[in-house]
N, C-alpha and C. Protein backbone atom coordinates (compact mmCIF):
# COMPACT_ATOMS: atom_id res chain seq x y z
N MET A 1 10.62 59.77 -6.30
CA MET A 1 10.88 58.97 -7.67
C MET A 1 11.27 57.74 -7.63
N SER A 2 10.83 56.49 -8.28
CA SER A 2 11.34 55.44 -8.21
C SER A 2 11.43 54.37 -9.32
N LYS A 3 12.13 53.55 -9.32
CA LYS A 3 12.86 52.89 -10.64
C LYS A 3 12.62 51.23 -10.31
N PRO A 4 12.27 50.57 -11.43
CA PRO A 4 12.56 49.35 -11.26
C PRO A 4 13.97 48.69 -11.17
N VAL A 5 14.33 48.15 -10.13
CA VAL A 5 15.77 47.49 -9.64
C VAL A 5 15.74 45.92 -9.52
N ARG A 6 16.37 45.23 -10.24
CA ARG A 6 16.76 43.91 -10.09
C ARG A 6 17.55 43.58 -8.73
N ILE A 7 16.94 43.05 -7.75
CA ILE A 7 17.29 42.77 -6.58
C ILE A 7 17.65 41.28 -6.26
N TRP A 8 16.76 40.36 -6.82
CA TRP A 8 17.04 38.68 -6.90
C TRP A 8 17.13 38.29 -7.96
N ASP A 9 18.20 37.22 -7.78
CA ASP A 9 18.93 36.38 -8.80
C ASP A 9 17.67 35.41 -9.11
N ILE A 10 17.71 34.47 -10.10
CA ILE A 10 17.03 33.24 -10.57
C ILE A 10 17.45 32.28 -9.35
N PRO A 11 18.79 31.85 -8.84
CA PRO A 11 18.97 30.66 -7.99
C PRO A 11 18.32 31.03 -6.75
N THR A 12 18.44 32.21 -6.11
CA THR A 12 17.80 32.76 -4.83
C THR A 12 16.15 32.57 -4.87
N ARG A 13 15.54 32.89 -5.88
CA ARG A 13 14.10 32.52 -5.85
C ARG A 13 13.64 31.40 -6.12
N LEU A 14 14.52 30.29 -6.99
CA LEU A 14 14.06 29.17 -7.06
C LEU A 14 14.22 28.33 -6.01
N PHE A 15 15.52 28.77 -5.03
CA PHE A 15 15.53 28.26 -3.74
C PHE A 15 14.60 28.39 -2.73
N HIS A 16 14.20 29.85 -2.65
CA HIS A 16 13.12 30.26 -1.90
C HIS A 16 11.64 29.35 -2.17
N TRP A 17 11.39 29.30 -3.35
CA TRP A 17 9.96 28.53 -3.73
C TRP A 17 9.76 26.90 -3.63
N VAL A 18 10.93 26.40 -3.85
CA VAL A 18 11.11 25.54 -4.04
C VAL A 18 11.06 24.59 -2.84
N LEU A 19 12.03 25.59 -1.62
CA LEU A 19 11.92 25.48 -0.04
C LEU A 19 10.53 25.31 0.17
N VAL A 20 9.47 26.37 -0.16
CA VAL A 20 8.29 26.37 0.45
C VAL A 20 7.85 25.28 -0.18
N LEU A 21 7.80 24.76 -1.10
CA LEU A 21 7.08 23.44 -1.81
C LEU A 21 7.49 22.13 -0.80
N LEU A 22 8.74 22.18 -1.05
CA LEU A 22 9.16 21.07 -0.01
C LEU A 22 8.85 21.16 1.67
N ILE A 23 8.78 22.11 2.12
CA ILE A 23 8.06 22.25 3.41
C ILE A 23 6.81 21.77 3.68
N VAL A 24 5.60 22.29 2.75
CA VAL A 24 4.57 22.11 2.65
C VAL A 24 4.22 20.25 2.43
N ASN A 25 5.17 20.01 1.63
CA ASN A 25 5.16 18.08 1.18
C ASN A 25 5.60 17.61 2.15
N SER A 26 6.80 17.91 2.89
CA SER A 26 7.20 17.35 4.43
C SER A 26 6.11 17.35 5.19
N TYR A 27 5.29 18.33 5.26
CA TYR A 27 4.05 18.54 6.43
C TYR A 27 3.16 17.47 5.87
N VAL A 28 2.71 17.41 4.59
CA VAL A 28 1.70 16.62 4.09
C VAL A 28 1.95 15.28 4.01
N THR A 29 2.95 14.72 3.66
CA THR A 29 3.61 13.31 3.83
C THR A 29 3.63 12.80 5.31
N GLN A 30 4.04 13.37 6.26
CA GLN A 30 4.18 13.39 7.60
C GLN A 30 2.62 12.93 8.29
N TRP A 31 1.73 14.15 7.79
CA TRP A 31 0.51 14.06 8.02
C TRP A 31 -0.33 12.72 7.51
N GLN A 32 0.03 12.29 6.32
CA GLN A 32 -0.33 11.26 5.68
C GLN A 32 0.56 9.61 6.01
N SER A 33 1.49 9.81 6.73
CA SER A 33 2.26 8.66 6.86
C SER A 33 2.89 8.28 5.66
N TRP A 34 3.12 9.20 4.81
CA TRP A 34 3.90 8.79 3.65
C TRP A 34 5.31 8.87 3.90
N MET A 35 5.95 8.02 4.55
CA MET A 35 7.31 8.22 5.28
C MET A 35 8.43 8.06 4.42
N ASP A 36 8.18 7.22 3.28
CA ASP A 36 9.41 7.36 2.15
C ASP A 36 9.69 8.88 1.56
N LEU A 37 8.24 9.02 1.07
CA LEU A 37 8.26 10.40 0.46
C LEU A 37 8.69 11.56 1.30
N HIS A 38 8.45 11.35 2.59
CA HIS A 38 8.89 12.50 3.60
C HIS A 38 10.48 12.43 3.88
N ILE A 39 10.96 11.38 4.05
CA ILE A 39 12.36 11.16 3.92
C ILE A 39 12.77 11.87 2.49
N LEU A 40 12.33 11.40 1.46
CA LEU A 40 12.82 12.19 0.27
C LEU A 40 12.96 13.74 0.43
N CYS A 41 11.68 14.16 0.99
CA CYS A 41 11.85 15.45 0.88
C CYS A 41 12.91 16.33 2.20
N GLY A 42 13.17 15.60 3.14
CA GLY A 42 14.13 15.97 3.57
C GLY A 42 15.24 16.04 3.45
N GLU A 43 15.86 15.14 2.39
CA GLU A 43 16.86 14.91 1.99
C GLU A 43 17.17 16.05 1.01
N ALA A 44 16.10 16.61 0.10
CA ALA A 44 15.84 17.39 -0.93
C ALA A 44 15.98 18.86 -0.14
N ILE A 45 15.54 19.01 0.99
CA ILE A 45 15.79 20.06 1.78
C ILE A 45 17.34 20.47 2.24
N LEU A 46 17.51 19.25 2.74
CA LEU A 46 19.21 19.36 3.17
C LEU A 46 20.21 19.62 1.84
N ALA A 47 19.79 19.50 0.88
CA ALA A 47 20.38 19.67 -0.50
C ALA A 47 20.54 20.80 -0.66
N LEU A 48 19.08 21.54 -0.42
CA LEU A 48 19.09 23.05 -0.79
C LEU A 48 19.64 23.74 0.45
N LEU A 49 19.56 23.70 1.26
CA LEU A 49 19.99 24.38 2.72
C LEU A 49 21.69 24.36 2.33
N LEU A 50 22.49 23.52 2.19
CA LEU A 50 23.56 23.07 1.62
C LEU A 50 24.09 24.24 0.44
N PHE A 51 23.28 24.19 -0.53
CA PHE A 51 23.23 25.06 -1.28
C PHE A 51 23.25 26.54 -0.97
N ARG A 52 22.40 26.83 -0.18
CA ARG A 52 21.91 28.21 0.26
C ARG A 52 23.01 28.62 1.07
N VAL A 53 23.80 27.88 1.66
CA VAL A 53 25.13 28.39 2.70
C VAL A 53 26.27 28.53 1.73
N VAL A 54 26.35 27.87 0.89
CA VAL A 54 27.57 28.09 -0.26
C VAL A 54 27.14 29.39 -1.04
N TRP A 55 26.14 29.61 -1.57
CA TRP A 55 25.41 30.83 -2.26
C TRP A 55 25.66 32.05 -1.53
N GLY A 56 25.05 31.94 0.14
CA GLY A 56 25.30 32.98 0.71
C GLY A 56 26.51 33.33 1.15
N VAL A 57 27.67 32.81 0.55
CA VAL A 57 28.96 33.48 0.63
C VAL A 57 29.25 33.76 -0.81
N VAL A 58 29.36 33.00 -1.64
CA VAL A 58 29.99 33.29 -3.04
C VAL A 58 29.02 33.96 -3.92
N GLY A 59 27.61 33.61 -3.68
CA GLY A 59 26.66 34.22 -4.68
C GLY A 59 26.50 35.67 -4.99
N SER A 60 25.07 36.17 -5.63
CA SER A 60 24.95 37.46 -5.86
C SER A 60 25.07 38.18 -4.42
N ASP A 61 25.06 39.43 -4.69
CA ASP A 61 25.18 40.47 -3.35
C ASP A 61 24.14 40.29 -2.44
N THR A 62 22.84 40.25 -2.91
CA THR A 62 21.75 40.37 -2.16
C THR A 62 21.32 39.00 -1.49
N ALA A 63 22.20 37.68 -1.87
CA ALA A 63 21.91 36.58 -1.43
C ALA A 63 23.13 36.22 -0.50
N ARG A 64 23.87 36.91 -0.35
CA ARG A 64 25.29 36.71 0.56
C ARG A 64 24.71 37.51 1.75
N PHE A 65 25.18 36.66 3.11
CA PHE A 65 25.08 36.87 4.12
C PHE A 65 25.66 38.00 4.79
N GLY A 66 26.79 38.16 4.43
CA GLY A 66 27.62 39.57 4.87
C GLY A 66 26.75 40.89 4.35
N PHE A 67 25.92 40.94 3.18
CA PHE A 67 25.26 41.74 2.49
C PHE A 67 24.27 42.22 3.17
N PHE A 68 23.55 41.05 3.84
CA PHE A 68 22.05 41.69 4.64
C PHE A 68 22.10 41.26 6.14
N LEU A 69 23.10 40.52 6.40
CA LEU A 69 22.94 40.50 7.90
C LEU A 69 23.55 41.68 8.75
N LYS A 70 22.38 42.42 9.41
CA LYS A 70 22.80 43.36 10.20
C LYS A 70 23.29 43.16 11.46
N SER A 71 23.77 44.07 12.47
CA SER A 71 23.41 43.85 13.83
C SER A 71 21.89 43.84 14.77
N PRO A 72 21.89 43.12 15.67
CA PRO A 72 20.41 42.98 16.09
C PRO A 72 19.99 44.22 16.74
N ILE A 73 21.08 45.40 17.13
CA ILE A 73 20.37 46.75 17.61
C ILE A 73 20.09 47.65 16.00
N ALA A 74 20.53 47.16 15.13
CA ALA A 74 19.85 47.55 13.55
C ALA A 74 18.60 46.87 13.16
N ALA A 75 18.41 45.41 13.73
CA ALA A 75 17.09 45.04 13.59
C ALA A 75 16.10 45.72 14.56
N PHE A 76 16.36 45.72 15.52
CA PHE A 76 15.67 46.53 16.48
C PHE A 76 15.05 48.01 15.98
N HIS A 77 16.18 48.73 15.35
CA HIS A 77 15.63 49.99 15.01
C HIS A 77 15.06 49.84 13.86
N HIS A 78 14.84 48.98 12.85
CA HIS A 78 14.24 48.63 11.93
C HIS A 78 12.70 48.45 12.32
N LEU A 79 12.69 47.88 13.40
CA LEU A 79 11.13 47.32 14.04
C LEU A 79 10.46 48.43 14.28
N LEU A 80 11.34 49.30 15.13
CA LEU A 80 10.55 50.69 15.54
C LEU A 80 9.99 51.45 14.56
N HIS A 81 10.52 51.70 13.15
CA HIS A 81 9.82 52.58 12.44
C HIS A 81 8.65 51.19 11.70
N LEU A 82 8.26 50.46 11.95
CA LEU A 82 7.41 49.30 11.34
C LEU A 82 6.24 50.27 10.94
N ARG A 83 5.60 50.75 11.94
CA ARG A 83 4.61 51.77 11.38
C ARG A 83 4.30 52.77 10.24
N LYS A 84 5.72 53.26 10.42
CA LYS A 84 5.93 54.55 9.42
C LYS A 84 5.74 54.02 7.96
N ARG A 85 4.92 54.86 7.23
CA ARG A 85 4.60 54.59 5.92
C ARG A 85 5.62 55.39 5.19
N GLU A 86 6.68 54.87 4.18
CA GLU A 86 7.72 55.79 3.62
C GLU A 86 7.98 54.67 2.60
N PRO A 87 8.77 55.29 1.23
CA PRO A 87 9.02 54.74 0.42
C PRO A 87 10.04 53.58 0.41
N ASP A 88 10.11 52.30 -0.14
CA ASP A 88 10.98 51.18 0.04
C ASP A 88 12.43 51.34 -0.48
N THR A 89 13.25 51.44 0.25
CA THR A 89 14.69 51.61 -0.50
C THR A 89 15.81 50.72 0.22
N GLU A 90 14.96 49.46 0.61
CA GLU A 90 15.71 48.13 0.73
C GLU A 90 16.27 47.61 -0.42
N ILE A 91 17.43 46.99 -0.34
CA ILE A 91 17.96 46.38 -1.53
C ILE A 91 18.20 44.60 -0.94
N GLY A 92 17.45 43.97 -0.95
CA GLY A 92 17.26 42.69 -0.57
C GLY A 92 16.44 42.72 0.64
N HIS A 93 16.96 42.05 1.66
CA HIS A 93 16.31 41.67 3.22
C HIS A 93 16.55 42.73 3.79
N ASN A 94 15.73 43.48 4.45
CA ASN A 94 15.84 44.40 5.59
C ASN A 94 16.77 43.93 7.00
N ALA A 95 16.71 44.69 8.17
CA ALA A 95 17.61 44.33 8.87
C ALA A 95 17.09 43.22 9.63
N ALA A 96 15.70 43.23 9.89
CA ALA A 96 15.05 42.32 10.64
C ALA A 96 14.66 41.03 9.83
N GLY A 97 14.50 41.25 8.48
CA GLY A 97 14.40 39.96 7.81
C GLY A 97 15.47 39.22 7.58
N GLY A 98 16.69 39.75 7.61
CA GLY A 98 17.64 39.31 7.44
C GLY A 98 17.77 38.05 8.68
N TRP A 99 17.76 38.82 10.01
CA TRP A 99 17.98 37.66 11.08
C TRP A 99 16.67 36.62 10.80
N MET A 100 15.49 36.75 10.48
CA MET A 100 14.38 35.99 10.24
C MET A 100 14.75 34.62 9.36
N VAL A 101 15.54 35.03 8.33
CA VAL A 101 16.27 34.23 7.50
C VAL A 101 17.41 33.22 7.90
N ILE A 102 18.40 33.65 8.72
CA ILE A 102 19.06 32.73 9.79
C ILE A 102 18.36 32.21 10.40
N GLY A 103 17.38 32.57 11.32
CA GLY A 103 16.61 31.87 12.24
C GLY A 103 16.17 30.40 11.27
N MET A 104 15.17 31.00 10.16
CA MET A 104 14.63 29.79 9.85
C MET A 104 15.61 28.63 9.24
N LEU A 105 16.97 28.91 8.68
CA LEU A 105 17.80 28.32 8.05
C LEU A 105 18.56 27.60 9.10
N ALA A 106 18.46 27.99 10.35
CA ALA A 106 18.83 27.20 11.49
C ALA A 106 18.02 26.04 12.18
N LEU A 107 16.84 26.53 12.10
CA LEU A 107 15.62 25.55 12.30
C LEU A 107 15.49 24.24 11.30
N LEU A 108 15.55 24.57 10.02
CA LEU A 108 15.64 23.93 9.16
C LEU A 108 16.86 22.46 8.87
N PHE A 109 18.04 23.34 9.46
CA PHE A 109 18.90 22.49 9.47
C PHE A 109 19.05 21.24 10.64
N ALA A 110 18.51 21.98 11.79
CA ALA A 110 18.21 21.22 12.96
C ALA A 110 17.07 19.98 12.55
N GLN A 111 15.93 20.61 12.04
CA GLN A 111 14.91 19.72 11.63
C GLN A 111 15.41 18.40 10.65
N VAL A 112 16.12 18.82 9.65
CA VAL A 112 16.48 17.87 8.65
C VAL A 112 17.61 16.95 9.57
N GLY A 113 18.32 17.49 10.43
CA GLY A 113 19.47 16.93 11.06
C GLY A 113 18.88 15.69 11.89
N THR A 114 17.92 15.94 12.57
CA THR A 114 17.56 15.13 13.61
C THR A 114 16.50 14.03 12.73
N GLY A 115 16.21 14.65 11.93
CA GLY A 115 15.21 13.49 10.95
C GLY A 115 15.83 12.46 10.46
N LEU A 116 17.26 12.75 10.26
CA LEU A 116 18.16 11.41 9.53
C LEU A 116 18.33 10.46 10.59
N PHE A 117 18.36 10.62 11.66
CA PHE A 117 18.44 9.51 12.81
C PHE A 117 17.04 9.14 13.30
N THR A 118 16.16 9.41 12.84
CA THR A 118 15.13 9.00 13.64
C THR A 118 13.75 7.94 12.87
N ALA A 119 13.30 7.08 13.40
CA ALA A 119 12.23 6.19 13.05
C ALA A 119 10.68 6.34 13.15
N ASP A 120 9.93 5.72 12.42
CA ASP A 120 8.61 6.47 12.79
C ASP A 120 7.93 5.39 13.94
N ASP A 121 6.89 5.65 14.30
CA ASP A 121 6.35 4.97 15.24
C ASP A 121 6.46 3.52 15.46
N ASP A 122 6.38 2.91 14.18
CA ASP A 122 6.29 1.48 14.12
C ASP A 122 7.68 0.90 13.65
N ALA A 123 8.62 1.77 13.27
CA ALA A 123 10.07 1.65 12.85
C ALA A 123 10.37 0.78 11.69
N LEU A 124 9.19 0.82 10.83
CA LEU A 124 9.10 0.15 9.62
C LEU A 124 9.91 1.01 8.51
N VAL A 125 9.67 2.50 8.79
CA VAL A 125 10.64 3.49 7.90
C VAL A 125 11.40 3.94 8.80
N GLU A 126 12.87 4.35 8.42
CA GLU A 126 13.72 4.88 9.48
C GLU A 126 14.51 5.74 8.71
N GLY A 127 15.26 6.85 9.21
CA GLY A 127 16.12 8.07 8.55
C GLY A 127 17.19 7.16 8.10
N PRO A 128 18.06 7.50 7.01
CA PRO A 128 19.28 6.98 6.91
C PRO A 128 20.29 6.76 7.41
N LEU A 129 20.12 7.35 8.68
CA LEU A 129 21.32 7.51 9.51
C LEU A 129 20.91 6.74 11.05
N ARG A 130 19.60 6.29 10.69
CA ARG A 130 18.96 5.64 12.10
C ARG A 130 19.82 4.49 12.58
N HIS A 131 20.66 3.98 11.76
CA HIS A 131 21.55 2.81 12.46
C HIS A 131 22.89 3.20 13.14
N LEU A 132 23.09 4.48 12.93
CA LEU A 132 24.22 5.04 13.80
C LEU A 132 24.43 5.23 15.02
N VAL A 133 22.96 5.69 15.52
CA VAL A 133 22.75 5.97 17.23
C VAL A 133 21.83 4.75 17.76
N SER A 134 21.70 4.75 19.00
CA SER A 134 21.10 3.77 19.77
C SER A 134 19.47 4.25 19.85
N LYS A 135 18.58 3.30 19.96
CA LYS A 135 17.32 3.54 20.02
C LYS A 135 16.97 4.52 20.92
N GLU A 136 17.41 5.01 21.86
CA GLU A 136 17.14 5.87 23.00
C GLU A 136 17.76 7.25 22.29
N THR A 137 18.65 7.22 21.72
CA THR A 137 19.16 8.81 20.96
C THR A 137 18.37 8.99 19.72
N SER A 138 17.78 7.75 19.15
CA SER A 138 17.07 7.97 18.10
C SER A 138 15.55 8.43 18.60
N ASP A 139 15.11 8.07 19.62
CA ASP A 139 13.77 8.42 20.15
C ASP A 139 13.83 10.17 20.80
N LEU A 140 15.01 10.56 21.37
CA LEU A 140 15.41 11.85 21.78
C LEU A 140 15.24 12.69 20.62
N LEU A 141 16.13 12.26 19.67
CA LEU A 141 16.15 13.06 18.40
C LEU A 141 14.80 13.00 17.64
N GLY A 142 13.79 12.24 17.69
CA GLY A 142 12.38 12.05 17.11
C GLY A 142 11.68 12.95 18.13
N MET A 143 11.99 13.07 19.18
CA MET A 143 11.28 13.99 19.95
C MET A 143 11.29 15.68 19.57
N LEU A 144 12.61 15.63 19.39
CA LEU A 144 13.03 17.17 19.10
C LEU A 144 12.71 17.31 17.56
N HIS A 145 12.70 16.49 16.87
CA HIS A 145 12.54 16.52 15.18
C HIS A 145 10.82 17.10 15.79
N ASP A 146 9.90 16.76 16.14
CA ASP A 146 8.73 17.33 16.37
C ASP A 146 8.48 18.19 16.73
N LYS A 147 9.29 18.47 18.07
CA LYS A 147 9.39 20.02 18.76
C LYS A 147 9.68 21.13 17.52
N ILE A 148 10.86 21.02 16.92
CA ILE A 148 11.53 21.67 16.01
C ILE A 148 10.53 21.97 14.98
N PHE A 149 9.71 21.11 14.68
CA PHE A 149 8.77 21.13 13.61
C PHE A 149 7.67 22.26 13.92
N ASP A 150 7.35 22.31 14.87
CA ASP A 150 6.27 23.29 16.11
C ASP A 150 7.10 24.62 15.72
N ALA A 151 8.11 24.53 16.06
CA ALA A 151 8.69 26.24 16.03
C ALA A 151 8.95 26.65 14.35
N ILE A 152 9.24 25.71 13.62
CA ILE A 152 9.17 26.08 12.04
C ILE A 152 8.05 26.80 11.87
N LYS A 153 6.78 26.14 12.23
CA LYS A 153 5.20 26.56 11.64
C LYS A 153 4.95 27.83 12.56
N ILE A 154 5.77 28.18 13.74
CA ILE A 154 5.63 29.42 14.45
C ILE A 154 6.57 30.41 13.67
N VAL A 155 7.46 30.13 13.33
CA VAL A 155 8.00 31.19 12.31
C VAL A 155 7.73 31.29 10.77
N VAL A 156 6.97 30.41 10.36
CA VAL A 156 6.25 30.44 9.06
C VAL A 156 4.94 31.42 9.29
N ILE A 157 4.40 31.13 10.16
CA ILE A 157 3.19 32.16 10.77
C ILE A 157 3.65 33.93 10.75
N LEU A 158 4.82 34.09 11.48
CA LEU A 158 5.46 35.17 11.63
C LEU A 158 5.91 36.00 10.37
N HIS A 159 6.59 34.87 9.48
CA HIS A 159 6.79 35.43 8.52
C HIS A 159 5.77 35.87 7.33
N ILE A 160 4.74 35.03 7.22
CA ILE A 160 3.63 35.45 6.44
C ILE A 160 2.97 36.54 6.95
N ALA A 161 2.80 36.72 8.55
CA ALA A 161 2.24 38.09 9.01
C ALA A 161 2.93 39.12 8.91
N ALA A 162 4.07 39.22 8.72
CA ALA A 162 5.19 40.23 8.54
C ALA A 162 5.07 40.68 7.15
N ILE A 163 4.93 39.62 6.13
CA ILE A 163 4.74 39.94 4.74
C ILE A 163 3.34 41.08 4.76
N VAL A 164 2.14 40.55 5.32
CA VAL A 164 0.83 40.97 5.45
C VAL A 164 1.09 42.68 5.87
N VAL A 165 1.90 42.90 7.22
CA VAL A 165 1.91 43.86 8.00
C VAL A 165 2.95 45.05 6.89
N TYR A 166 3.97 44.43 6.42
CA TYR A 166 4.61 45.52 5.62
C TYR A 166 3.61 45.79 4.46
N LEU A 167 2.81 44.75 3.71
CA LEU A 167 1.96 45.06 2.63
C LEU A 167 0.88 46.39 3.02
N VAL A 168 0.42 46.07 4.05
CA VAL A 168 -0.94 46.49 4.50
C VAL A 168 -0.36 48.22 5.17
N VAL A 169 0.45 48.27 6.07
CA VAL A 169 1.05 49.16 7.03
C VAL A 169 2.14 50.14 6.30
N LYS A 170 2.87 49.69 5.26
CA LYS A 170 4.24 50.26 4.99
C LYS A 170 3.85 50.28 3.36
N GLY A 171 2.82 49.36 2.84
CA GLY A 171 2.58 49.52 1.39
C GLY A 171 3.95 48.84 0.59
N HIS A 172 4.46 48.17 1.16
CA HIS A 172 5.66 47.29 0.55
C HIS A 172 5.40 46.11 0.34
N ASN A 173 5.39 45.86 -1.07
CA ASN A 173 5.12 44.19 -1.52
C ASN A 173 6.36 43.41 -1.38
N LEU A 174 6.46 42.55 -0.66
CA LEU A 174 7.86 41.70 -0.66
C LEU A 174 7.49 40.50 -1.42
N VAL A 175 6.48 40.21 -1.72
CA VAL A 175 6.44 38.86 -2.54
C VAL A 175 6.63 38.92 -3.89
N ARG A 176 6.23 40.18 -4.36
CA ARG A 176 6.33 40.23 -5.97
C ARG A 176 7.63 40.21 -6.37
N PRO A 177 8.86 40.90 -5.55
CA PRO A 177 10.13 40.72 -6.08
C PRO A 177 10.80 39.36 -6.11
N MET A 178 10.10 38.67 -4.96
CA MET A 178 10.73 37.11 -5.17
C MET A 178 10.03 36.32 -6.13
N VAL A 179 9.03 37.04 -6.57
CA VAL A 179 8.59 35.95 -7.99
C VAL A 179 9.27 36.54 -9.17
N ILE A 180 9.44 38.02 -9.24
CA ILE A 180 9.78 38.35 -10.63
C ILE A 180 11.42 38.97 -10.77
N GLY A 181 11.56 39.15 -9.76
CA GLY A 181 13.21 39.58 -9.10
C GLY A 181 13.33 41.01 -9.40
N THR A 182 12.29 41.90 -9.61
CA THR A 182 12.41 43.06 -9.50
C THR A 182 11.69 43.84 -8.49
N LYS A 183 12.15 44.87 -8.09
CA LYS A 183 11.62 45.94 -7.01
C LYS A 183 11.25 47.55 -7.54
N ASP A 184 10.51 48.40 -7.50
CA ASP A 184 10.25 49.71 -7.43
C ASP A 184 11.04 50.15 -6.18
N ILE A 185 12.48 50.83 -6.28
CA ILE A 185 12.93 51.60 -5.28
C ILE A 185 13.07 52.87 -5.50
N ALA A 186 13.16 53.52 -4.40
CA ALA A 186 13.46 55.16 -4.45
C ALA A 186 14.93 55.59 -4.64
N GLU A 187 14.86 56.54 -5.68
CA GLU A 187 16.56 56.65 -5.87
C GLU A 187 17.11 57.22 -5.17
N PRO A 188 18.25 57.88 -4.68
CA PRO A 188 19.39 57.10 -5.66
C PRO A 188 19.42 55.82 -4.99
N VAL A 189 20.19 54.67 -6.05
CA VAL A 189 20.20 53.37 -5.63
C VAL A 189 21.28 52.82 -6.23
N THR A 190 22.32 52.08 -5.48
CA THR A 190 23.19 51.15 -5.84
C THR A 190 23.36 49.80 -6.34
N LYS A 191 23.14 49.70 -7.60
CA LYS A 191 22.50 47.97 -8.13
C LYS A 191 23.59 46.97 -7.49
N PRO A 192 22.99 45.83 -7.07
CA PRO A 192 23.44 44.82 -6.73
C PRO A 192 24.09 44.03 -7.63
N ARG A 193 25.44 43.58 -7.33
CA ARG A 193 25.95 42.35 -8.21
C ARG A 193 25.79 41.30 -8.18
N PHE A 194 25.72 40.32 -9.61
CA PHE A 194 25.10 39.28 -9.78
C PHE A 194 25.99 38.18 -10.28
N ARG A 195 25.96 36.88 -9.42
CA ARG A 195 26.87 36.08 -10.07
C ARG A 195 26.03 34.96 -11.19
N SER A 196 26.78 33.95 -11.86
CA SER A 196 26.34 33.34 -12.69
C SER A 196 25.16 32.26 -12.43
N PRO A 197 24.09 32.07 -12.92
CA PRO A 197 23.18 31.12 -12.74
C PRO A 197 23.89 29.25 -12.95
N VAL A 198 25.09 29.64 -14.03
CA VAL A 198 25.48 28.17 -13.84
C VAL A 198 26.54 28.04 -12.87
N LEU A 199 27.04 28.95 -11.98
CA LEU A 199 27.84 28.59 -10.78
C LEU A 199 26.96 27.73 -9.56
N ALA A 200 25.75 28.68 -9.85
CA ALA A 200 24.75 28.17 -8.83
C ALA A 200 24.33 26.62 -8.88
N ALA A 201 24.09 26.24 -10.38
CA ALA A 201 23.99 25.02 -10.51
C ALA A 201 24.93 23.93 -10.46
N VAL A 202 26.04 24.56 -10.37
CA VAL A 202 27.28 23.76 -10.24
C VAL A 202 27.27 23.46 -8.47
N ILE A 203 27.14 24.16 -7.85
CA ILE A 203 26.86 24.19 -6.32
C ILE A 203 25.81 23.51 -6.00
N LEU A 204 24.75 23.69 -6.77
CA LEU A 204 23.44 22.74 -6.26
C LEU A 204 23.74 21.12 -6.50
N VAL A 205 24.36 20.93 -7.52
CA VAL A 205 24.85 19.69 -8.09
C VAL A 205 25.80 18.88 -7.25
N ILE A 206 26.67 19.62 -6.40
CA ILE A 206 27.74 19.22 -5.49
C ILE A 206 27.10 18.87 -4.39
N ALA A 207 26.16 19.77 -3.76
CA ALA A 207 25.34 20.03 -2.80
C ALA A 207 24.48 18.65 -2.68
N ALA A 208 23.61 18.32 -3.64
CA ALA A 208 23.04 16.98 -3.75
C ALA A 208 23.83 15.77 -3.65
N ALA A 209 25.08 15.70 -4.37
CA ALA A 209 25.83 14.79 -4.51
C ALA A 209 26.38 14.48 -2.94
N ALA A 210 26.74 15.55 -2.35
CA ALA A 210 26.87 15.51 -1.00
C ALA A 210 25.79 14.72 0.11
N VAL A 211 24.90 15.00 -0.13
CA VAL A 211 23.74 14.85 0.72
C VAL A 211 23.40 13.10 0.45
N ALA A 212 23.50 12.81 -1.31
CA ALA A 212 23.39 11.48 -1.59
C ALA A 212 24.28 10.59 -0.84
N ALA A 213 25.61 11.01 -1.06
CA ALA A 213 26.86 10.02 -0.11
C ALA A 213 26.59 10.08 1.03
N LEU A 214 25.84 11.30 1.99
CA LEU A 214 25.90 10.97 3.44
C LEU A 214 24.78 9.96 3.78
N VAL A 215 23.83 10.05 3.30
CA VAL A 215 22.71 9.09 3.61
C VAL A 215 22.82 7.51 2.91
N ARG A 216 24.09 7.71 2.45
CA ARG A 216 24.29 6.14 2.03
C ARG A 216 25.70 5.73 2.82
N LEU A 217 25.82 6.33 4.09
CA LEU A 217 26.99 5.75 4.92
C LEU A 217 26.87 4.44 5.37
């Protein structure tokens, strides 16, 4: 017996989908050499990441790192049962998915962090903090910026592959709950606690203001 349970709050869902759009836009703007827009996308991503870190500490249960981050052994044990078709009992991220979230956040922080100090090939457009480092350092960070994005693309592919595997093999739809916020979960279940979206909005405004101040150093 299963019943619909609200597991994802609006701030977490908006963060997820806006981040997806910004990552796609970052790729497109870099590919088209629209570097001014590319830099704006990076700054927006940084604001979202700062928000997510704070929301991961003070936000709703399923958004908190302490709620979904399990030991590596638990993640490995979860993957061992990946081929087993069984009812979905997860409230939020599973043990393996939690580590994927942490990995993606770390890569994105590294990506936008290096991007702040880089310049394009013609040095016509520079990251907002490019003037704080030497050309050699900027070139090194630019190289890392490219390599990290390659790693991000790999993680995105793995993430999509995992969604497909969970749907086909286990019968678990991971996308629908991130869209509508609820998921059918086998009983019994303890419903997560949710924080106010107003608090999330305040945190986001502060994060955006912090990024705006940083890039104008």
